[in-house]
Amino acid sequence: DDSSDDEDTKAAPAKRKLPASKAASTPSKKQKTESSSSDSSSSSDESSDESEDEDEVAKEKARRVEAAAAAAAWTPKKIEAPTLGEQGQKGVPFQRVDGEYWSTQIVDETLRDNSYAATFGEDGVGSKANTVLLKVRGKDFTREKNKKKRSTYLCGAIDLGSNSFKYTD
């Protein structure tokens, strides 16, 4: 009796346990193959299904071992703070455009001063509106602008001269 009991216990651990999803799907495959085909072909299907399942289980186990090793070897990257030398200097305001470079690129000297007085003069159509609108800030600007547009008949003469110039390529 003892020898037969030992053989049974040795045979039991030799069987591999399938994952719950694999174990549940295997009987349904067997049932489908048995119901759709004859008894002789179903036994060959069962053996091929079992070998495929064993291969899948072995692959899954190897993948899990690799994933566990990768997780154990992983270390977080240290985030380095940017240095001020690369990003900018303290006490210097941000400038998107280099003013010194572009001031040397100006072709016509009339473009150096971008103020209203330099462009249209003191007797321009909107000179009075310009002096008032310089002081207006925020949401009141639109209201004041529209008021000055309605009262343009009180302003000076309209200049019909052309202020354009040509760039040289």
N, C-alpha and C. Protein backbone atom coordinates (compact mmCIF):
# COMPACT_ATOMS: atom_id res chain seq x y z
N ASP A 1 0.81 -1.19 0.00
CA ASP A 1 0.00 0.00 0.00
C ASP A 1 0.86 1.26 0.00
N ASP A 2 1.91 1.24 0.78
CA ASP A 2 2.74 2.43 0.91
C ASP A 2 3.39 2.81 -0.41
N SER A 3 3.80 1.82 -1.17
CA SER A 3 4.47 2.12 -2.44
C SER A 3 3.51 2.72 -3.45
N SER A 4 2.27 2.24 -3.47
CA SER A 4 1.29 2.81 -4.40
C SER A 4 0.90 4.22 -4.00
N ASP A 5 0.83 4.50 -2.71
CA ASP A 5 0.52 5.86 -2.23
C ASP A 5 1.64 6.82 -2.60
N ASP A 6 2.88 6.38 -2.50
CA ASP A 6 4.02 7.23 -2.85
C ASP A 6 3.99 7.58 -4.33
N GLU A 7 3.63 6.63 -5.17
CA GLU A 7 3.57 6.89 -6.60
C GLU A 7 2.49 7.90 -6.93
N ASP A 8 1.36 7.83 -6.24
CA ASP A 8 0.26 8.77 -6.48
C ASP A 8 0.66 10.19 -6.08
N THR A 9 1.35 10.33 -4.96
CA THR A 9 1.74 11.66 -4.51
C THR A 9 2.84 12.24 -5.39
N LYS A 10 3.69 11.40 -5.94
CA LYS A 10 4.73 11.88 -6.85
C LYS A 10 4.12 12.31 -8.18
N ALA A 11 3.11 11.63 -8.63
CA ALA A 11 2.48 11.95 -9.91
C ALA A 11 1.67 13.24 -9.82
N ALA A 12 1.09 13.51 -8.67
CA ALA A 12 0.25 14.70 -8.51
C ALA A 12 1.04 15.99 -8.65
N PRO A 13 2.22 16.16 -8.01
CA PRO A 13 2.96 17.41 -8.19
C PRO A 13 3.52 17.57 -9.59
N ALA A 14 3.66 16.51 -10.33
CA ALA A 14 4.22 16.60 -11.67
C ALA A 14 3.29 17.38 -12.60
N LYS A 15 1.99 17.34 -12.33
CA LYS A 15 1.05 18.08 -13.18
C LYS A 15 1.19 19.56 -12.91
N ARG A 16 1.20 20.33 -13.96
CA ARG A 16 1.30 21.79 -13.81
C ARG A 16 -0.09 22.38 -13.61
N LYS A 17 -0.14 23.35 -12.77
CA LYS A 17 -1.41 24.04 -12.57
C LYS A 17 -1.55 25.11 -13.62
N LEU A 18 -2.68 25.13 -14.26
CA LEU A 18 -2.95 26.16 -15.26
C LEU A 18 -3.53 27.38 -14.58
N PRO A 19 -3.28 28.57 -15.13
CA PRO A 19 -3.94 29.76 -14.59
C PRO A 19 -5.45 29.61 -14.70
N ALA A 20 -6.19 30.33 -13.89
CA ALA A 20 -7.65 30.19 -13.83
C ALA A 20 -8.28 30.44 -15.19
N SER A 21 -7.79 31.42 -15.93
CA SER A 21 -8.39 31.72 -17.23
C SER A 21 -8.10 30.60 -18.23
N LYS A 22 -6.90 30.02 -18.16
CA LYS A 22 -6.54 28.93 -19.07
C LYS A 22 -7.33 27.68 -18.72
N ALA A 23 -7.46 27.39 -17.42
CA ALA A 23 -8.18 26.19 -16.98
C ALA A 23 -9.64 26.28 -17.38
N ALA A 24 -10.21 27.46 -17.29
CA ALA A 24 -11.62 27.63 -17.64
C ALA A 24 -11.82 27.52 -19.14
N SER A 25 -10.86 27.97 -19.92
CA SER A 25 -11.04 27.96 -21.37
C SER A 25 -10.74 26.59 -21.97
N THR A 26 -9.92 25.79 -21.33
CA THR A 26 -9.54 24.50 -21.88
C THR A 26 -10.72 23.54 -21.97
N PRO A 27 -11.55 23.37 -20.93
CA PRO A 27 -12.69 22.44 -21.05
C PRO A 27 -13.66 22.87 -22.14
N SER A 28 -13.85 24.14 -22.32
CA SER A 28 -14.79 24.57 -23.35
C SER A 28 -14.26 24.22 -24.74
N LYS A 29 -12.95 24.28 -24.91
CA LYS A 29 -12.38 23.88 -26.20
C LYS A 29 -12.59 22.39 -26.43
N LYS A 30 -12.40 21.62 -25.34
CA LYS A 30 -12.58 20.18 -25.47
C LYS A 30 -14.03 19.84 -25.80
N GLN A 31 -14.95 20.53 -25.14
CA GLN A 31 -16.36 20.27 -25.38
C GLN A 31 -16.73 20.61 -26.81
N LYS A 32 -16.20 21.70 -27.33
CA LYS A 32 -16.51 22.10 -28.70
C LYS A 32 -15.96 21.08 -29.68
N THR A 33 -14.72 20.65 -29.46
CA THR A 33 -14.13 19.70 -30.40
C THR A 33 -14.82 18.35 -30.34
N GLU A 34 -15.24 17.91 -29.14
CA GLU A 34 -15.93 16.63 -29.02
C GLU A 34 -17.30 16.68 -29.66
N SER A 35 -17.99 17.79 -29.52
CA SER A 35 -19.33 17.87 -30.07
C SER A 35 -19.31 18.05 -31.58
N SER A 36 -18.29 18.67 -32.11
CA SER A 36 -18.27 18.94 -33.54
C SER A 36 -17.57 17.87 -34.35
N SER A 37 -16.77 17.01 -33.72
CA SER A 37 -16.05 16.00 -34.48
C SER A 37 -16.22 14.63 -33.84
N SER A 38 -15.68 13.62 -34.50
CA SER A 38 -15.82 12.25 -33.99
C SER A 38 -14.85 12.00 -32.84
N ASP A 39 -15.01 10.85 -32.16
CA ASP A 39 -14.20 10.53 -30.99
C ASP A 39 -12.73 10.34 -31.34
N SER A 40 -12.42 9.79 -32.49
CA SER A 40 -11.03 9.52 -32.84
C SER A 40 -10.24 10.82 -33.08
N SER A 41 -10.87 11.82 -33.71
CA SER A 41 -10.16 13.07 -33.98
C SER A 41 -10.09 13.95 -32.74
N SER A 42 -11.03 13.81 -31.83
CA SER A 42 -11.04 14.65 -30.64
C SER A 42 -9.85 14.32 -29.74
N SER A 43 -9.42 13.10 -29.68
CA SER A 43 -8.28 12.76 -28.83
C SER A 43 -7.01 13.41 -29.35
N SER A 44 -6.84 13.50 -30.66
CA SER A 44 -5.65 14.17 -31.21
C SER A 44 -5.73 15.67 -30.99
N ASP A 45 -6.95 16.23 -31.06
CA ASP A 45 -7.13 17.66 -30.80
C ASP A 45 -6.81 17.98 -29.35
N GLU A 46 -7.23 17.09 -28.45
CA GLU A 46 -6.98 17.32 -27.03
C GLU A 46 -5.49 17.33 -26.73
N SER A 47 -4.76 16.42 -27.34
CA SER A 47 -3.33 16.35 -27.07
C SER A 47 -2.62 17.58 -27.64
N SER A 48 -3.06 18.06 -28.81
CA SER A 48 -2.42 19.26 -29.37
C SER A 48 -2.80 20.50 -28.56
N ASP A 49 -4.05 20.54 -28.05
CA ASP A 49 -4.46 21.66 -27.20
C ASP A 49 -3.64 21.69 -25.91
N GLU A 50 -3.43 20.50 -25.34
CA GLU A 50 -2.67 20.43 -24.10
C GLU A 50 -1.23 20.87 -24.32
N SER A 51 -0.63 20.47 -25.44
CA SER A 51 0.76 20.87 -25.70
C SER A 51 0.84 22.38 -25.96
N GLU A 52 -0.17 22.93 -26.64
CA GLU A 52 -0.20 24.38 -26.86
C GLU A 52 -0.36 25.11 -25.53
N ASP A 53 -1.23 24.59 -24.66
CA ASP A 53 -1.43 25.21 -23.35
C ASP A 53 -0.15 25.17 -22.53
N GLU A 54 0.55 24.04 -22.58
CA GLU A 54 1.81 23.93 -21.84
C GLU A 54 2.83 24.93 -22.37
N ASP A 55 2.88 25.10 -23.69
CA ASP A 55 3.80 26.08 -24.27
C ASP A 55 3.44 27.49 -23.83
N GLU A 56 2.15 27.78 -23.83
CA GLU A 56 1.69 29.11 -23.41
C GLU A 56 2.00 29.35 -21.94
N VAL A 57 1.81 28.34 -21.12
CA VAL A 57 2.10 28.47 -19.69
C VAL A 57 3.59 28.70 -19.49
N ALA A 58 4.42 27.98 -20.23
CA ALA A 58 5.87 28.15 -20.10
C ALA A 58 6.29 29.55 -20.54
N LYS A 59 5.71 30.03 -21.64
CA LYS A 59 6.02 31.38 -22.11
C LYS A 59 5.58 32.43 -21.10
N GLU A 60 4.40 32.23 -20.54
CA GLU A 60 3.87 33.17 -19.54
C GLU A 60 4.76 33.19 -18.30
N LYS A 61 5.21 32.03 -17.88
CA LYS A 61 6.08 31.95 -16.71
C LYS A 61 7.41 32.65 -16.99
N ALA A 62 7.97 32.43 -18.17
CA ALA A 62 9.24 33.08 -18.54
C ALA A 62 9.06 34.60 -18.60
N ARG A 63 7.93 35.04 -19.13
CA ARG A 63 7.67 36.48 -19.22
C ARG A 63 7.55 37.09 -17.83
N ARG A 64 6.90 36.40 -16.93
CA ARG A 64 6.76 36.90 -15.55
C ARG A 64 8.11 36.98 -14.85
N VAL A 65 8.96 35.98 -15.09
CA VAL A 65 10.29 35.99 -14.47
C VAL A 65 11.10 37.18 -15.00
N GLU A 66 11.03 37.41 -16.31
CA GLU A 66 11.73 38.56 -16.91
C GLU A 66 11.19 39.88 -16.36
N ALA A 67 9.88 39.98 -16.22
CA ALA A 67 9.28 41.21 -15.70
C ALA A 67 9.68 41.44 -14.26
N ALA A 68 9.73 40.38 -13.47
CA ALA A 68 10.14 40.52 -12.07
C ALA A 68 11.60 40.96 -11.97
N ALA A 69 12.45 40.40 -12.83
CA ALA A 69 13.87 40.79 -12.83
C ALA A 69 14.03 42.24 -13.26
N ALA A 70 13.27 42.66 -14.27
CA ALA A 70 13.34 44.05 -14.73
C ALA A 70 12.84 45.00 -13.66
N ALA A 71 11.79 44.63 -12.96
CA ALA A 71 11.25 45.49 -11.89
C ALA A 71 12.24 45.60 -10.74
N ALA A 72 12.94 44.51 -10.44
CA ALA A 72 13.92 44.54 -9.35
C ALA A 72 15.13 45.39 -9.73
N ALA A 73 15.50 45.39 -11.02
CA ALA A 73 16.68 46.13 -11.46
C ALA A 73 16.39 47.60 -11.74
N TRP A 74 15.12 47.98 -11.79
CA TRP A 74 14.75 49.36 -12.15
C TRP A 74 15.08 50.31 -11.02
N THR A 75 15.66 51.43 -11.38
CA THR A 75 15.88 52.52 -10.42
C THR A 75 15.37 53.80 -11.05
N PRO A 76 14.73 54.67 -10.28
CA PRO A 76 14.18 55.90 -10.87
C PRO A 76 15.31 56.84 -11.31
N LYS A 77 15.05 57.56 -12.39
CA LYS A 77 16.02 58.53 -12.88
C LYS A 77 16.00 59.75 -11.99
N LYS A 78 17.17 60.29 -11.77
CA LYS A 78 17.26 61.50 -10.96
C LYS A 78 16.98 62.70 -11.85
N ILE A 79 16.06 63.53 -11.42
CA ILE A 79 15.69 64.72 -12.19
C ILE A 79 16.65 65.83 -11.81
N GLU A 80 17.32 66.35 -12.82
CA GLU A 80 18.28 67.42 -12.58
C GLU A 80 17.63 68.77 -12.82
N ALA A 81 17.83 69.68 -11.90
CA ALA A 81 17.30 71.03 -12.06
C ALA A 81 18.15 71.77 -13.09
N PRO A 82 17.53 72.54 -13.99
CA PRO A 82 18.31 73.27 -14.98
C PRO A 82 19.18 74.34 -14.32
N THR A 83 20.35 74.50 -14.86
CA THR A 83 21.25 75.51 -14.31
C THR A 83 20.89 76.87 -14.88
N LEU A 84 21.20 77.91 -14.14
CA LEU A 84 20.86 79.26 -14.59
C LEU A 84 21.68 79.67 -15.80
N GLY A 85 22.87 79.13 -15.96
CA GLY A 85 23.72 79.50 -17.09
C GLY A 85 23.10 79.12 -18.42
N GLU A 86 22.43 77.96 -18.45
CA GLU A 86 21.81 77.51 -19.69
C GLU A 86 20.49 78.21 -19.94
N GLN A 87 19.70 78.41 -18.89
CA GLN A 87 18.36 78.94 -19.04
C GLN A 87 18.31 80.45 -19.07
N GLY A 88 19.21 81.10 -18.44
CA GLY A 88 19.19 82.56 -18.39
C GLY A 88 20.00 83.05 -17.22
N GLN A 89 19.98 84.34 -17.01
CA GLN A 89 20.75 84.92 -15.92
C GLN A 89 19.81 85.60 -14.96
N LYS A 90 20.20 85.64 -13.69
CA LYS A 90 19.36 86.31 -12.70
C LYS A 90 19.45 87.81 -12.88
N GLY A 91 18.33 88.49 -12.72
CA GLY A 91 18.31 89.94 -12.78
C GLY A 91 18.21 90.50 -14.18
N VAL A 92 18.14 89.64 -15.20
CA VAL A 92 18.03 90.11 -16.59
C VAL A 92 16.63 89.76 -17.08
N PRO A 93 15.85 90.74 -17.54
CA PRO A 93 14.50 90.44 -18.00
C PRO A 93 14.51 89.59 -19.27
N PHE A 94 13.47 88.78 -19.42
CA PHE A 94 13.35 87.94 -20.60
C PHE A 94 13.08 88.79 -21.83
N GLN A 95 13.82 88.52 -22.91
CA GLN A 95 13.60 89.21 -24.19
C GLN A 95 13.51 88.16 -25.28
N ARG A 96 12.37 88.12 -25.94
CA ARG A 96 12.18 87.16 -27.02
C ARG A 96 12.96 87.58 -28.27
N VAL A 97 13.09 88.89 -28.47
CA VAL A 97 13.76 89.42 -29.66
C VAL A 97 15.00 90.19 -29.20
N ASP A 98 16.10 89.99 -29.88
CA ASP A 98 17.33 90.71 -29.56
C ASP A 98 17.26 92.10 -30.18
N GLY A 99 17.03 93.11 -29.35
CA GLY A 99 16.85 94.48 -29.83
C GLY A 99 18.09 95.06 -30.45
N GLU A 100 19.26 94.73 -29.93
CA GLU A 100 20.51 95.27 -30.48
C GLU A 100 20.73 94.78 -31.90
N TYR A 101 20.49 93.50 -32.15
CA TYR A 101 20.69 92.95 -33.49
C TYR A 101 19.73 93.58 -34.49
N TRP A 102 18.45 93.64 -34.14
CA TRP A 102 17.45 94.13 -35.10
C TRP A 102 17.52 95.64 -35.28
N SER A 103 18.04 96.37 -34.31
CA SER A 103 18.19 97.81 -34.51
C SER A 103 19.26 98.10 -35.56
N THR A 104 20.22 97.21 -35.72
CA THR A 104 21.22 97.39 -36.78
C THR A 104 20.66 97.02 -38.15
N GLN A 105 19.56 96.26 -38.19
CA GLN A 105 18.97 95.82 -39.45
C GLN A 105 17.97 96.81 -40.03
N ILE A 106 17.67 97.90 -39.33
CA ILE A 106 16.68 98.88 -39.80
C ILE A 106 17.25 99.61 -41.01
N VAL A 107 16.47 99.61 -42.10
CA VAL A 107 16.91 100.22 -43.36
C VAL A 107 16.62 101.71 -43.36
N ASP A 108 15.40 102.08 -43.01
CA ASP A 108 14.97 103.48 -43.06
C ASP A 108 14.98 104.06 -41.65
N GLU A 109 15.56 105.23 -41.48
CA GLU A 109 15.67 105.85 -40.16
C GLU A 109 14.32 106.27 -39.59
N THR A 110 13.30 106.43 -40.43
CA THR A 110 11.98 106.80 -39.92
C THR A 110 11.34 105.66 -39.14
N LEU A 111 11.85 104.45 -39.32
CA LEU A 111 11.30 103.29 -38.61
C LEU A 111 11.85 103.14 -37.20
N ARG A 112 12.85 103.90 -36.84
CA ARG A 112 13.45 103.78 -35.50
C ARG A 112 12.48 104.23 -34.41
N ASP A 113 11.70 105.29 -34.67
CA ASP A 113 10.74 105.79 -33.69
C ASP A 113 9.35 105.32 -34.10
N ASN A 114 8.73 104.50 -33.28
CA ASN A 114 7.44 103.91 -33.62
C ASN A 114 6.29 104.64 -32.94
N SER A 115 6.51 105.84 -32.45
CA SER A 115 5.46 106.57 -31.75
C SER A 115 4.49 107.20 -32.75
N TYR A 116 3.31 107.59 -32.24
CA TYR A 116 2.30 108.21 -33.09
C TYR A 116 2.78 109.56 -33.61
N ALA A 117 3.43 110.35 -32.76
CA ALA A 117 3.90 111.67 -33.17
C ALA A 117 4.95 111.56 -34.26
N ALA A 118 5.82 110.57 -34.20
CA ALA A 118 6.84 110.41 -35.23
C ALA A 118 6.23 109.95 -36.54
N THR A 119 5.18 109.18 -36.48
CA THR A 119 4.58 108.66 -37.71
C THR A 119 3.66 109.69 -38.37
N PHE A 120 2.76 110.30 -37.61
CA PHE A 120 1.76 111.19 -38.21
C PHE A 120 1.96 112.66 -37.85
N GLY A 121 2.78 112.97 -36.89
CA GLY A 121 2.99 114.35 -36.50
C GLY A 121 1.93 114.84 -35.53
N GLU A 122 2.09 116.08 -35.07
CA GLU A 122 1.16 116.66 -34.10
C GLU A 122 -0.16 117.09 -34.74
N ASP A 123 -0.18 117.26 -36.05
CA ASP A 123 -1.41 117.68 -36.70
C ASP A 123 -2.10 116.53 -37.42
N GLY A 124 -1.81 115.28 -37.03
CA GLY A 124 -2.46 114.11 -37.63
C GLY A 124 -3.91 114.03 -37.23
N VAL A 125 -4.66 113.18 -37.93
CA VAL A 125 -6.10 113.06 -37.71
C VAL A 125 -6.40 112.61 -36.29
N GLY A 126 -5.65 111.70 -35.75
CA GLY A 126 -5.97 111.16 -34.43
C GLY A 126 -5.05 111.63 -33.34
N SER A 127 -4.42 112.79 -33.49
CA SER A 127 -3.45 113.22 -32.47
C SER A 127 -4.11 113.49 -31.13
N LYS A 128 -5.30 114.12 -31.15
CA LYS A 128 -6.00 114.37 -29.89
C LYS A 128 -6.46 113.06 -29.26
N ALA A 129 -6.96 112.17 -30.09
CA ALA A 129 -7.40 110.87 -29.58
C ALA A 129 -6.20 110.10 -29.02
N ASN A 130 -5.09 110.22 -29.68
CA ASN A 130 -3.89 109.52 -29.22
C ASN A 130 -3.44 110.02 -27.85
N THR A 131 -3.47 111.32 -27.64
CA THR A 131 -3.04 111.85 -26.34
C THR A 131 -3.97 111.38 -25.22
N VAL A 132 -5.26 111.27 -25.50
CA VAL A 132 -6.20 110.79 -24.48
C VAL A 132 -6.06 109.29 -24.27
N LEU A 133 -5.93 108.55 -25.38
CA LEU A 133 -5.90 107.09 -25.28
C LEU A 133 -4.60 106.57 -24.67
N LEU A 134 -3.55 107.37 -24.66
CA LEU A 134 -2.32 106.93 -24.01
C LEU A 134 -2.53 106.74 -22.52
N LYS A 135 -3.45 107.48 -21.93
CA LYS A 135 -3.69 107.42 -20.49
C LYS A 135 -4.69 106.34 -20.10
N VAL A 136 -5.46 105.83 -21.08
CA VAL A 136 -6.53 104.87 -20.78
C VAL A 136 -5.96 103.46 -20.73
N ARG A 137 -6.33 102.70 -19.70
CA ARG A 137 -5.88 101.33 -19.53
C ARG A 137 -7.07 100.41 -19.27
N GLY A 138 -6.93 99.16 -19.65
CA GLY A 138 -7.92 98.15 -19.29
C GLY A 138 -9.17 98.17 -20.14
N LYS A 139 -10.29 97.81 -19.51
CA LYS A 139 -11.54 97.61 -20.24
C LYS A 139 -12.15 98.93 -20.72
N ASP A 140 -11.74 100.06 -20.17
CA ASP A 140 -12.27 101.35 -20.62
C ASP A 140 -11.69 101.79 -21.95
N PHE A 141 -10.65 101.11 -22.43
CA PHE A 141 -9.98 101.54 -23.66
C PHE A 141 -10.94 101.50 -24.85
N THR A 142 -11.70 100.42 -25.01
CA THR A 142 -12.61 100.30 -26.15
C THR A 142 -13.65 101.41 -26.14
N ARG A 143 -14.19 101.70 -24.99
CA ARG A 143 -15.21 102.76 -24.88
C ARG A 143 -14.62 104.11 -25.28
N GLU A 144 -13.45 104.43 -24.75
CA GLU A 144 -12.81 105.71 -25.07
C GLU A 144 -12.40 105.77 -26.54
N LYS A 145 -11.94 104.66 -27.09
CA LYS A 145 -11.54 104.63 -28.50
C LYS A 145 -12.73 104.93 -29.39
N ASN A 146 -13.86 104.32 -29.10
CA ASN A 146 -15.05 104.56 -29.92
C ASN A 146 -15.54 106.00 -29.79
N LYS A 147 -15.41 106.59 -28.63
CA LYS A 147 -15.79 108.00 -28.46
C LYS A 147 -14.90 108.89 -29.33
N LYS A 148 -13.62 108.60 -29.38
CA LYS A 148 -12.69 109.43 -30.17
C LYS A 148 -12.92 109.20 -31.67
N LYS A 149 -13.33 108.02 -32.05
CA LYS A 149 -13.62 107.77 -33.47
C LYS A 149 -14.83 108.58 -33.93
N ARG A 150 -15.82 108.76 -33.05
CA ARG A 150 -17.01 109.53 -33.42
C ARG A 150 -16.70 111.02 -33.52
N SER A 151 -15.68 111.47 -32.84
CA SER A 151 -15.41 112.92 -32.83
C SER A 151 -14.23 113.30 -33.73
N THR A 152 -13.95 112.53 -34.77
CA THR A 152 -12.80 112.83 -35.63
C THR A 152 -13.00 114.07 -36.48
N TYR A 153 -14.22 114.54 -36.65
CA TYR A 153 -14.43 115.74 -37.48
C TYR A 153 -13.80 116.97 -36.84
N LEU A 154 -13.49 116.93 -35.55
CA LEU A 154 -12.87 118.06 -34.87
C LEU A 154 -11.36 118.07 -35.05
N CYS A 155 -10.78 116.98 -35.58
CA CYS A 155 -9.33 116.88 -35.69
C CYS A 155 -8.83 117.60 -36.93
N GLY A 156 -7.53 117.53 -37.14
CA GLY A 156 -6.88 118.26 -38.23
C GLY A 156 -7.15 117.66 -39.59
N ALA A 157 -6.44 118.19 -40.58
CA ALA A 157 -6.61 117.77 -41.98
C ALA A 157 -6.01 116.38 -42.20
N ILE A 158 -6.60 115.66 -43.16
CA ILE A 158 -6.12 114.32 -43.50
C ILE A 158 -5.01 114.46 -44.53
N ASP A 159 -3.86 113.87 -44.24
CA ASP A 159 -2.71 113.92 -45.14
C ASP A 159 -2.86 112.82 -46.19
N LEU A 160 -2.73 113.19 -47.47
CA LEU A 160 -2.88 112.22 -48.55
C LEU A 160 -1.53 111.71 -49.06
N GLY A 161 -0.45 112.11 -48.43
CA GLY A 161 0.88 111.68 -48.87
C GLY A 161 1.14 110.22 -48.52
N SER A 162 2.05 109.60 -49.25
CA SER A 162 2.40 108.20 -49.03
C SER A 162 3.66 108.12 -48.16
N ASN A 163 3.61 107.29 -47.15
CA ASN A 163 4.75 107.11 -46.26
C ASN A 163 5.45 105.77 -46.49
N SER A 164 5.21 105.14 -47.62
CA SER A 164 5.78 103.82 -47.88
C SER A 164 7.23 103.94 -48.34
N PHE A 165 7.97 102.86 -48.25
CA PHE A 165 9.35 102.80 -48.74
C PHE A 165 9.60 101.39 -49.23
N LYS A 166 10.64 101.21 -50.02
CA LYS A 166 10.93 99.92 -50.62
C LYS A 166 12.13 99.28 -49.92
N TYR A 167 12.03 97.97 -49.69
CA TYR A 167 13.15 97.22 -49.13
C TYR A 167 14.06 96.78 -50.26
N THR A 168 15.33 96.72 -50.00
CA THR A 168 16.28 96.20 -50.99
C THR A 168 16.57 94.75 -50.64
N ASP A 169 16.46 93.88 -51.63
CA ASP A 169 16.68 92.44 -51.38
C ASP A 169 18.13 92.09 -51.53
